[in-house]
Amino acid sequence: MELNELLDALNAGHTIMGDFPLHEVMHRTSQQALRITGELNGLYQEPARVRELLAQLTGKPVVESVTVFPPFYSDFGRNITLGERVM
């Protein structure tokens, strides 16, 4: 099972039970999110490094205008989209 399958299931509103194959993917991804947010929140990080960590967390590019003031919390991360505000 892969992350894209998990995201599709979650976006469809499916419940992921502990004995489902997608549960391992969800657990692994959540553990990665905990590690990344720990690094983000543990020490001072330069803004560029904060964006690098956010990109790792979300699996998506993060534009230079994004600013986050820790502490930052995430249970999963891959469901977050960060970007420029469109006016």
PDB file of N, CA and C in Angstrom:
ATOM      1  N   MET A   1       0.834  -1.174   0.000  1.00  0.00           N
ATOM      2  CA  MET A   1       0.000   0.000   0.000  1.00  0.00           C
ATOM      3  C   MET A   1       0.883   1.243   0.000  1.00  0.00           C
ATOM      4  N   GLU A   2       0.414   2.270  -0.658  1.00  0.00           N
ATOM      5  CA  GLU A   2       1.188   3.492  -0.810  1.00  0.00           C
ATOM      6  C   GLU A   2       0.434   4.690  -0.252  1.00  0.00           C
ATOM      7  N   LEU A   3       1.169   5.789  -0.071  1.00  0.00           N
ATOM      8  CA  LEU A   3       0.607   7.003   0.485  1.00  0.00           C
ATOM      9  C   LEU A   3      -0.551   7.538  -0.348  1.00  0.00           C
ATOM     10  N   ASN A   4      -0.427   7.497  -1.676  1.00  0.00           N
ATOM     11  CA  ASN A   4      -1.513   8.036  -2.510  1.00  0.00           C
ATOM     12  C   ASN A   4      -2.815   7.246  -2.315  1.00  0.00           C
ATOM     13  N   GLU A   5      -2.711   5.956  -2.058  1.00  0.00           N
ATOM     14  CA  GLU A   5      -3.907   5.158  -1.781  1.00  0.00           C
ATOM     15  C   GLU A   5      -4.528   5.567  -0.440  1.00  0.00           C
ATOM     16  N   LEU A   6      -3.676   5.827   0.538  1.00  0.00           N
ATOM     17  CA  LEU A   6      -4.164   6.274   1.838  1.00  0.00           C
ATOM     18  C   LEU A   6      -4.857   7.623   1.716  1.00  0.00           C
ATOM     19  N   LEU A   7      -4.232   8.553   1.021  1.00  0.00           N
ATOM     20  CA  LEU A   7      -4.829   9.881   0.848  1.00  0.00           C
ATOM     21  C   LEU A   7      -6.171   9.788   0.126  1.00  0.00           C
ATOM     22  N   ASP A   8      -6.251   8.944  -0.890  1.00  0.00           N
ATOM     23  CA  ASP A   8      -7.524   8.759  -1.601  1.00  0.00           C
ATOM     24  C   ASP A   8      -8.602   8.227  -0.648  1.00  0.00           C
ATOM     25  N   ALA A   9      -8.234   7.260   0.182  1.00  0.00           N
ATOM     26  CA  ALA A   9      -9.193   6.682   1.115  1.00  0.00           C
ATOM     27  C   ALA A   9      -9.639   7.712   2.149  1.00  0.00           C
ATOM     28  N   LEU A  10      -8.696   8.478   2.682  1.00  0.00           N
ATOM     29  CA  LEU A  10      -9.037   9.501   3.669  1.00  0.00           C
ATOM     30  C   LEU A  10      -9.892  10.605   3.052  1.00  0.00           C
ATOM     31  N   ASN A  11      -9.533  11.032   1.853  1.00  0.00           N
ATOM     32  CA  ASN A  11     -10.311  12.075   1.174  1.00  0.00           C
ATOM     33  C   ASN A  11     -11.724  11.604   0.843  1.00  0.00           C
ATOM     34  N   ALA A  12     -11.897  10.300   0.684  1.00  0.00           N
ATOM     35  CA  ALA A  12     -13.222   9.739   0.408  1.00  0.00           C
ATOM     36  C   ALA A  12     -14.024   9.541   1.701  1.00  0.00           C
ATOM     37  N   GLY A  13     -13.393   9.826   2.849  1.00  0.00           N
ATOM     38  CA  GLY A  13     -14.090   9.712   4.120  1.00  0.00           C
ATOM     39  C   GLY A  13     -14.072   8.326   4.729  1.00  0.00           C
ATOM     40  N   HIS A  14     -13.206   7.447   4.228  1.00  0.00           N
ATOM     41  CA  HIS A  14     -13.142   6.088   4.756  1.00  0.00           C
ATOM     42  C   HIS A  14     -12.445   6.070   6.114  1.00  0.00           C
ATOM     43  N   THR A  15     -12.865   5.168   6.962  1.00  0.00           N
ATOM     44  CA  THR A  15     -12.216   4.938   8.243  1.00  0.00           C
ATOM     45  C   THR A  15     -11.131   3.891   8.044  1.00  0.00           C
ATOM     46  N   ILE A  16      -9.952   4.160   8.569  1.00  0.00           N
ATOM     47  CA  ILE A  16      -8.832   3.220   8.443  1.00  0.00           C
ATOM     48  C   ILE A  16      -8.733   2.451   9.760  1.00  0.00           C
ATOM     49  N   MET A  17      -9.101   1.200   9.720  1.00  0.00           N
ATOM     50  CA  MET A  17      -9.078   0.354  10.914  1.00  0.00           C
ATOM     51  C   MET A  17      -7.672  -0.194  11.146  1.00  0.00           C
ATOM     52  N   GLY A  18      -7.390  -0.582  12.378  1.00  0.00           N
ATOM     53  CA  GLY A  18      -6.062  -1.053  12.754  1.00  0.00           C
ATOM     54  C   GLY A  18      -5.586  -2.277  12.000  1.00  0.00           C
ATOM     55  N   ASP A  19      -6.492  -3.105  11.517  1.00  0.00           N
ATOM     56  CA  ASP A  19      -6.079  -4.307  10.798  1.00  0.00           C
ATOM     57  C   ASP A  19      -6.084  -4.120   9.274  1.00  0.00           C
ATOM     58  N   PHE A  20      -6.340  -2.901   8.801  1.00  0.00           N
ATOM     59  CA  PHE A  20      -6.309  -2.620   7.365  1.00  0.00           C
ATOM     60  C   PHE A  20      -4.868  -2.411   6.911  1.00  0.00           C
ATOM     61  N   PRO A  21      -4.538  -2.814   5.689  1.00  0.00           N
ATOM     62  CA  PRO A  21      -3.187  -2.576   5.174  1.00  0.00           C
ATOM     63  C   PRO A  21      -2.802  -1.094   5.160  1.00  0.00           C
ATOM     64  N   LEU A  22      -3.775  -0.205   4.964  1.00  0.00           N
ATOM     65  CA  LEU A  22      -3.463   1.226   4.931  1.00  0.00           C
ATOM     66  C   LEU A  22      -3.090   1.769   6.309  1.00  0.00           C
ATOM     67  N   HIS A  23      -3.416   1.044   7.360  1.00  0.00           N
ATOM     68  CA  HIS A  23      -3.084   1.512   8.709  1.00  0.00           C
ATOM     69  C   HIS A  23      -1.574   1.657   8.885  1.00  0.00           C
ATOM     70  N   GLU A  24      -0.817   0.725   8.355  1.00  0.00           N
ATOM     71  CA  GLU A  24       0.648   0.804   8.455  1.00  0.00           C
ATOM     72  C   GLU A  24       1.167   2.043   7.742  1.00  0.00           C
ATOM     73  N   VAL A  25       0.610   2.366   6.586  1.00  0.00           N
ATOM     74  CA  VAL A  25       1.014   3.571   5.853  1.00  0.00           C
ATOM     75  C   VAL A  25       0.670   4.809   6.679  1.00  0.00           C
ATOM     76  N   MET A  26      -0.518   4.826   7.265  1.00  0.00           N
ATOM     77  CA  MET A  26      -0.934   5.959   8.082  1.00  0.00           C
ATOM     78  C   MET A  26      -0.027   6.101   9.309  1.00  0.00           C
ATOM     79  N   HIS A  27       0.295   5.003   9.951  1.00  0.00           N
ATOM     80  CA  HIS A  27       1.169   5.042  11.124  1.00  0.00           C
ATOM     81  C   HIS A  27       2.562   5.548  10.757  1.00  0.00           C
ATOM     82  N   ARG A  28       3.124   5.021   9.683  1.00  0.00           N
ATOM     83  CA  ARG A  28       4.460   5.429   9.237  1.00  0.00           C
ATOM     84  C   ARG A  28       4.488   6.923   8.898  1.00  0.00           C
ATOM     85  N   THR A  29       3.453   7.396   8.207  1.00  0.00           N
ATOM     86  CA  THR A  29       3.379   8.803   7.830  1.00  0.00           C
ATOM     87  C   THR A  29       3.215   9.691   9.052  1.00  0.00           C
ATOM     88  N   SER A  30       2.417   9.257  10.015  1.00  0.00           N
ATOM     89  CA  SER A  30       2.233  10.027  11.243  1.00  0.00           C
ATOM     90  C   SER A  30       3.521  10.095  12.051  1.00  0.00           C
ATOM     91  N   GLN A  31       4.276   9.004  12.090  1.00  0.00           N
ATOM     92  CA  GLN A  31       5.554   9.012  12.804  1.00  0.00           C
ATOM     93  C   GLN A  31       6.534   9.979  12.151  1.00  0.00           C
ATOM     94  N   GLN A  32       6.535  10.028  10.828  1.00  0.00           N
ATOM     95  CA  GLN A  32       7.381  10.981  10.116  1.00  0.00           C
ATOM     96  C   GLN A  32       6.957  12.411  10.457  1.00  0.00           C
ATOM     97  N   ALA A  33       5.652  12.662  10.522  1.00  0.00           N
ATOM     98  CA  ALA A  33       5.159  13.996  10.878  1.00  0.00           C
ATOM     99  C   ALA A  33       5.605  14.380  12.281  1.00  0.00           C
ATOM    100  N   LEU A  34       5.583  13.448  13.212  1.00  0.00           N
ATOM    101  CA  LEU A  34       6.042  13.720  14.577  1.00  0.00           C
ATOM    102  C   LEU A  34       7.524  14.086  14.600  1.00  0.00           C
ATOM    103  N   ARG A  35       8.324  13.357  13.824  1.00  0.00           N
ATOM    104  CA  ARG A  35       9.763  13.647  13.765  1.00  0.00           C
ATOM    105  C   ARG A  35      10.008  15.040  13.192  1.00  0.00           C
ATOM    106  N   ILE A  36       9.321  15.377  12.112  1.00  0.00           N
ATOM    107  CA  ILE A  36       9.514  16.672  11.458  1.00  0.00           C
ATOM    108  C   ILE A  36       9.038  17.810  12.353  1.00  0.00           C
ATOM    109  N   THR A  37       7.858  17.670  12.952  1.00  0.00           N
ATOM    110  CA  THR A  37       7.378  18.747  13.823  1.00  0.00           C
ATOM    111  C   THR A  37       8.244  18.867  15.072  1.00  0.00           C
ATOM    112  N   GLY A  38       8.823  17.770  15.533  1.00  0.00           N
ATOM    113  CA  GLY A  38       9.768  17.834  16.647  1.00  0.00           C
ATOM    114  C   GLY A  38      10.980  18.664  16.289  1.00  0.00           C
ATOM    115  N   GLU A  39      11.496  18.461  15.092  1.00  0.00           N
ATOM    116  CA  GLU A  39      12.638  19.262  14.642  1.00  0.00           C
ATOM    117  C   GLU A  39      12.233  20.720  14.443  1.00  0.00           C
ATOM    118  N   LEU A  40      11.068  20.923  13.893  1.00  0.00           N
ATOM    119  CA  LEU A  40      10.577  22.283  13.660  1.00  0.00           C
ATOM    120  C   LEU A  40      10.411  23.050  14.967  1.00  0.00           C
ATOM    121  N   ASN A  41       9.913  22.387  15.983  1.00  0.00           N
ATOM    122  CA  ASN A  41       9.598  23.047  17.241  1.00  0.00           C
ATOM    123  C   ASN A  41      10.718  22.981  18.278  1.00  0.00           C
ATOM    124  N   GLY A  42      11.685  22.095  18.100  1.00  0.00           N
ATOM    125  CA  GLY A  42      12.684  21.846  19.130  1.00  0.00           C
ATOM    126  C   GLY A  42      13.717  22.932  19.313  1.00  0.00           C
ATOM    127  N   LEU A  43      14.157  23.523  18.250  1.00  0.00           N
ATOM    128  CA  LEU A  43      15.195  24.545  18.271  1.00  0.00           C
ATOM    129  C   LEU A  43      14.832  25.643  17.283  1.00  0.00           C
ATOM    130  N   TYR A  44      15.533  26.771  17.414  1.00  0.00           N
ATOM    131  CA  TYR A  44      15.346  27.831  16.427  1.00  0.00           C
ATOM    132  C   TYR A  44      15.762  27.313  15.061  1.00  0.00           C
ATOM    133  N   GLN A  45      14.973  27.614  14.061  1.00  0.00           N
ATOM    134  CA  GLN A  45      15.279  27.260  12.667  1.00  0.00           C
ATOM    135  C   GLN A  45      15.211  28.524  11.827  1.00  0.00           C
ATOM    136  N   GLU A  46      16.162  28.685  10.943  1.00  0.00           N
ATOM    137  CA  GLU A  46      16.115  29.783   9.969  1.00  0.00           C
ATOM    138  C   GLU A  46      14.856  29.628   9.120  1.00  0.00           C
ATOM    139  N   PRO A  47      14.294  30.733   8.630  1.00  0.00           N
ATOM    140  CA  PRO A  47      13.066  30.638   7.830  1.00  0.00           C
ATOM    141  C   PRO A  47      13.167  29.668   6.647  1.00  0.00           C
ATOM    142  N   ALA A  48      14.298  29.644   5.972  1.00  0.00           N
ATOM    143  CA  ALA A  48      14.451  28.727   4.840  1.00  0.00           C
ATOM    144  C   ALA A  48      14.368  27.269   5.302  1.00  0.00           C
ATOM    145  N   ARG A  49      14.955  26.983   6.461  1.00  0.00           N
ATOM    146  CA  ARG A  49      14.900  25.624   7.006  1.00  0.00           C
ATOM    147  C   ARG A  49      13.466  25.274   7.429  1.00  0.00           C
ATOM    148  N   VAL A  50      12.744  26.235   7.971  1.00  0.00           N
ATOM    149  CA  VAL A  50      11.340  26.005   8.331  1.00  0.00           C
ATOM    150  C   VAL A  50      10.562  25.594   7.085  1.00  0.00           C
ATOM    151  N   ARG A  51      10.779  26.288   5.981  1.00  0.00           N
ATOM    152  CA  ARG A  51      10.076  25.939   4.736  1.00  0.00           C
ATOM    153  C   ARG A  51      10.503  24.560   4.238  1.00  0.00           C
ATOM    154  N   GLU A  52      11.777  24.217   4.385  1.00  0.00           N
ATOM    155  CA  GLU A  52      12.235  22.875   3.999  1.00  0.00           C
ATOM    156  C   GLU A  52      11.512  21.807   4.812  1.00  0.00           C
ATOM    157  N   LEU A  53      11.423  22.024   6.120  1.00  0.00           N
ATOM    158  CA  LEU A  53      10.734  21.066   6.979  1.00  0.00           C
ATOM    159  C   LEU A  53       9.251  20.975   6.641  1.00  0.00           C
ATOM    160  N   LEU A  54       8.635  22.109   6.367  1.00  0.00           N
ATOM    161  CA  LEU A  54       7.220  22.097   5.986  1.00  0.00           C
ATOM    162  C   LEU A  54       7.018  21.352   4.672  1.00  0.00           C
ATOM    163  N   ALA A  55       7.947  21.501   3.745  1.00  0.00           N
ATOM    164  CA  ALA A  55       7.863  20.770   2.478  1.00  0.00           C
ATOM    165  C   ALA A  55       7.990  19.268   2.716  1.00  0.00           C
ATOM    166  N   GLN A  56       8.882  18.876   3.625  1.00  0.00           N
ATOM    167  CA  GLN A  56       8.995  17.457   3.974  1.00  0.00           C
ATOM    168  C   GLN A  56       7.695  16.959   4.608  1.00  0.00           C
ATOM    169  N   LEU A  57       7.129  17.771   5.471  1.00  0.00           N
ATOM    170  CA  LEU A  57       5.913  17.394   6.179  1.00  0.00           C
ATOM    171  C   LEU A  57       4.732  17.228   5.228  1.00  0.00           C
ATOM    172  N   THR A  58       4.561  18.169   4.330  1.00  0.00           N
ATOM    173  CA  THR A  58       3.398  18.159   3.439  1.00  0.00           C
ATOM    174  C   THR A  58       3.614  17.348   2.170  1.00  0.00           C
ATOM    175  N   GLY A  59       4.872  17.132   1.803  1.00  0.00           N
ATOM    176  CA  GLY A  59       5.166  16.450   0.541  1.00  0.00           C
ATOM    177  C   GLY A  59       4.940  17.338  -0.665  1.00  0.00           C
ATOM    178  N   LYS A  60       4.893  18.654  -0.421  1.00  0.00           N
ATOM    179  CA  LYS A  60       4.633  19.625  -1.488  1.00  0.00           C
ATOM    180  C   LYS A  60       5.610  20.792  -1.357  1.00  0.00           C
ATOM    181  N   PRO A  61       5.894  21.479  -2.455  1.00  0.00           N
ATOM    182  CA  PRO A  61       6.744  22.674  -2.357  1.00  0.00           C
ATOM    183  C   PRO A  61       6.077  23.735  -1.484  1.00  0.00           C
ATOM    184  N   VAL A  62       6.895  24.510  -0.789  1.00  0.00           N
ATOM    185  CA  VAL A  62       6.402  25.602   0.050  1.00  0.00           C
ATOM    186  C   VAL A  62       7.039  26.888  -0.461  1.00  0.00           C
ATOM    187  N   VAL A  63       6.213  27.849  -0.840  1.00  0.00           N
ATOM    188  CA  VAL A  63       6.718  29.089  -1.424  1.00  0.00           C
ATOM    189  C   VAL A  63       7.413  29.937  -0.354  1.00  0.00           C
ATOM    190  N   GLU A  64       8.296  30.806  -0.806  1.00  0.00           N
ATOM    191  CA  GLU A  64       9.132  31.604   0.088  1.00  0.00           C
ATOM    192  C   GLU A  64       8.333  32.539   0.981  1.00  0.00           C
ATOM    193  N   SER A  65       7.139  32.909   0.575  1.00  0.00           N
ATOM    194  CA  SER A  65       6.343  33.843   1.373  1.00  0.00           C
ATOM    195  C   SER A  65       5.702  33.192   2.604  1.00  0.00           C
ATOM    196  N   VAL A  66       5.740  31.860   2.705  1.00  0.00           N
ATOM    197  CA  VAL A  66       5.133  31.168   3.849  1.00  0.00           C
ATOM    198  C   VAL A  66       5.985  31.380   5.090  1.00  0.00           C
ATOM    199  N   THR A  67       5.327  31.783   6.181  1.00  0.00           N
ATOM    200  CA  THR A  67       5.982  31.972   7.468  1.00  0.00           C
ATOM    201  C   THR A  67       5.183  31.234   8.526  1.00  0.00           C
ATOM    202  N   VAL A  68       5.870  30.510   9.369  1.00  0.00           N
ATOM    203  CA  VAL A  68       5.235  29.784  10.457  1.00  0.00           C
ATOM    204  C   VAL A  68       5.966  30.147  11.738  1.00  0.00           C
ATOM    205  N   PHE A  69       5.203  30.437  12.766  1.00  0.00           N
ATOM    206  CA  PHE A  69       5.771  30.730  14.068  1.00  0.00           C
ATOM    207  C   PHE A  69       5.474  29.539  14.984  1.00  0.00           C
ATOM    208  N   PRO A  70       6.486  28.731  15.273  1.00  0.00           N
ATOM    209  CA  PRO A  70       6.273  27.565  16.131  1.00  0.00           C
ATOM    210  C   PRO A  70       5.788  27.979  17.512  1.00  0.00           C
ATOM    211  N   PRO A  71       5.069  27.128  18.211  1.00  0.00           N
ATOM    212  CA  PRO A  71       4.956  25.702  17.894  1.00  0.00           C
ATOM    213  C   PRO A  71       3.941  25.431  16.787  1.00  0.00           C
ATOM    214  N   PHE A  72       4.246  24.428  16.035  1.00  0.00           N
ATOM    215  CA  PHE A  72       3.414  23.991  14.920  1.00  0.00           C
ATOM    216  C   PHE A  72       3.034  22.544  15.196  1.00  0.00           C
ATOM    217  N   TYR A  73       1.762  22.216  15.075  1.00  0.00           N
ATOM    218  CA  TYR A  73       1.279  20.876  15.370  1.00  0.00           C
ATOM    219  C   TYR A  73       0.681  20.236  14.125  1.00  0.00           C
ATOM    220  N   SER A  74       0.947  18.947  13.986  1.00  0.00           N
ATOM    221  CA  SER A  74       0.355  18.197  12.881  1.00  0.00           C
ATOM    222  C   SER A  74       0.268  16.736  13.288  1.00  0.00           C
ATOM    223  N   ASP A  75      -0.859  16.112  13.004  1.00  0.00           N
ATOM    224  CA  ASP A  75      -0.995  14.689  13.302  1.00  0.00           C
ATOM    225  C   ASP A  75      -0.622  13.819  12.108  1.00  0.00           C
ATOM    226  N   PHE A  76      -0.554  14.418  10.932  1.00  0.00           N
ATOM    227  CA  PHE A  76      -0.360  13.628   9.721  1.00  0.00           C
ATOM    228  C   PHE A  76       0.496  14.377   8.703  1.00  0.00           C
ATOM    229  N   GLY A  77       0.137  15.603   8.395  1.00  0.00           N
ATOM    230  CA  GLY A  77       0.946  16.467   7.539  1.00  0.00           C
ATOM    231  C   GLY A  77       0.638  16.444   6.058  1.00  0.00           C
ATOM    232  N   ARG A  78       0.373  15.286   5.515  1.00  0.00           N
ATOM    233  CA  ARG A  78       0.199  15.190   4.064  1.00  0.00           C
ATOM    234  C   ARG A  78      -1.123  15.771   3.588  1.00  0.00           C
ATOM    235  N   ASN A  79      -1.987  16.148   4.500  1.00  0.00           N
ATOM    236  CA  ASN A  79      -3.266  16.746   4.146  1.00  0.00           C
ATOM    237  C   ASN A  79      -3.213  18.280   4.212  1.00  0.00           C
ATOM    238  N   ILE A  80      -2.040  18.832   4.461  1.00  0.00           N
ATOM    239  CA  ILE A  80      -1.871  20.280   4.601  1.00  0.00           C
ATOM    240  C   ILE A  80      -1.391  20.871   3.283  1.00  0.00           C
ATOM    241  N   THR A  81      -1.948  22.013   2.907  1.00  0.00           N
ATOM    242  CA  THR A  81      -1.478  22.758   1.748  1.00  0.00           C
ATOM    243  C   THR A  81      -1.098  24.156   2.228  1.00  0.00           C
ATOM    244  N   LEU A  82       0.103  24.589   1.922  1.00  0.00           N
ATOM    245  CA  LEU A  82       0.592  25.911   2.285  1.00  0.00           C
ATOM    246  C   LEU A  82       0.942  26.639   1.002  1.00  0.00           C
ATOM    247  N   GLY A  83       0.560  27.903   0.907  1.00  0.00           N
ATOM    248  CA  GLY A  83       0.875  28.636  -0.299  1.00  0.00           C
ATOM    249  C   GLY A  83       0.546  30.087  -0.161  1.00  0.00           C
ATOM    250  N   GLU A  84       0.720  30.775  -1.255  1.00  0.00           N
ATOM    251  CA  GLU A  84       0.445  32.205  -1.253  1.00  0.00           C
ATOM    252  C   GLU A  84      -1.048  32.445  -1.236  1.00  0.00           C
ATOM    253  N   ARG A  85      -1.411  33.460  -0.519  1.00  0.00           N
ATOM    254  CA  ARG A  85      -2.805  33.871  -0.468  1.00  0.00           C
ATOM    255  C   ARG A  85      -3.174  34.586  -1.770  1.00  0.00           C
ATOM    256  N   VAL A  86      -4.270  34.191  -2.337  1.00  0.00           N
ATOM    257  CA  VAL A  86      -4.731  34.807  -3.582  1.00  0.00           C
ATOM    258  C   VAL A  86      -5.764  35.866  -3.207  1.00  0.00           C
ATOM    259  N   MET A  87      -5.561  37.093  -3.687  1.00  0.00           N
ATOM    260  CA  MET A  87      -6.475  38.178  -3.354  1.00  0.00           C
ATOM    261  C   MET A  87      -7.254  38.596  -4.570  1.00  0.00           C
TER     262      MET A  87
END
